[in-house]
Protein backbone atom coordinates (compact mmCIF):
# COMPACT_ATOMS: atom_id res chain seq x y z
CA MET A 1 0.00 0.00 0.00
CA HIS A 2 2.98 2.33 0.37
CA GLU A 3 3.06 2.58 -3.43
CA LEU A 4 -0.02 4.83 -3.36
CA PRO A 5 1.55 7.89 -1.68
CA VAL A 6 4.72 7.48 -3.76
CA ILE A 7 2.78 7.40 -7.03
CA LYS A 8 0.55 10.28 -5.86
CA SER A 9 3.62 12.41 -5.17
CA ILE A 10 5.18 11.58 -8.54
CA LEU A 11 1.94 12.34 -10.35
CA ASP A 12 1.54 15.64 -8.49
CA VAL A 13 5.02 16.74 -9.61
CA CYS A 14 4.30 15.75 -13.21
CA LEU A 15 0.94 17.53 -13.26
CA LYS A 16 2.49 20.65 -11.72
CA HIS A 17 5.18 20.80 -14.40
CA ALA A 18 2.65 20.06 -17.14
CA GLN A 19 0.44 22.94 -15.97
CA LYS A 20 3.44 25.27 -15.67
CA ASN A 21 4.36 24.48 -19.28
CA ASP A 22 0.78 24.56 -20.65
CA ALA A 23 0.92 20.89 -21.62
CA LYS A 24 -2.32 19.38 -22.86
CA LYS A 25 -1.34 15.73 -22.34
CA ILE A 26 1.23 13.68 -20.46
CA VAL A 27 2.19 10.79 -22.69
CA THR A 28 4.95 8.90 -20.86
CA ILE A 29 6.57 8.98 -17.43
CA HIS A 30 9.89 7.19 -16.97
CA LEU A 31 10.80 6.04 -13.46
CA GLN A 32 13.89 4.36 -12.10
CA VAL A 33 13.15 2.39 -8.96
CA GLY A 34 15.83 0.81 -6.82
CA GLU A 35 15.61 -2.95 -6.46
CA MET A 36 15.63 -2.64 -2.66
CA SER A 37 12.99 0.10 -2.53
CA ASP A 38 10.26 -2.45 -1.74
CA LEU A 39 8.02 -0.84 -4.38
CA GLU A 40 6.13 -3.30 -6.56
CA PRO A 41 5.86 -2.22 -10.21
CA GLU A 42 2.52 -4.02 -10.58
CA TRP A 43 0.97 -2.02 -7.72
CA MET A 44 2.62 1.19 -8.85
CA GLN A 45 0.91 0.73 -12.23
CA LYS A 46 -2.49 -0.04 -10.64
CA TYR A 47 -2.39 3.03 -8.40
CA PHE A 48 -1.12 5.16 -11.28
CA ASP A 49 -4.03 4.07 -13.49
CA TYR A 50 -6.48 4.85 -10.69
CA LEU A 51 -5.04 8.28 -9.88
CA THR A 52 -4.75 9.45 -13.49
CA LYS A 53 -8.30 8.63 -14.60
CA ASP A 54 -9.52 12.27 -14.41
CA THR A 55 -6.29 14.03 -15.36
CA ILE A 56 -4.30 14.93 -18.47
CA ALA A 57 -2.17 11.87 -17.65
CA LYS A 58 -5.03 9.45 -18.31
CA GLY A 59 -3.74 6.69 -20.58
CA CYS A 60 -0.16 7.78 -19.99
CA SER A 61 2.50 5.10 -20.27
CA LEU A 62 4.30 4.51 -16.96
CA GLN A 63 7.73 3.08 -17.76
CA ILE A 64 9.35 1.55 -14.69
CA LEU A 65 12.99 0.49 -14.76
CA VAL A 66 14.06 -1.51 -11.72
CA VAL A 67 17.68 -0.61 -11.01
CA PRO A 68 19.83 -3.37 -9.49
CA THR A 69 21.40 -2.86 -6.11
CA ALA A 70 25.13 -2.19 -6.01
CA PHE A 71 27.31 -2.14 -2.91
CA ARG A 72 30.82 -0.85 -2.40
CA CYS A 73 33.09 -1.52 0.54
CA SER A 74 33.95 1.79 2.21
CA ALA A 75 37.31 0.36 3.31
CA CYS A 76 38.48 -0.49 -0.21
């Protein structure tokens, strides 16, 4: 369920910038999500579809790239 507020925040930012630039339609949003973020792309998409239904982002393609986790030893 924590995907909902994350997607809402992302959508709010996109809608704000679209309005600022007089955009009529948002076509695609590209997201990079860390593998360890505990965000599920399937639920992100479902909440996104629900939240965009009455906005200029309705039907927008949400492209989610899950970025692999990388660690580095701070002593090396």
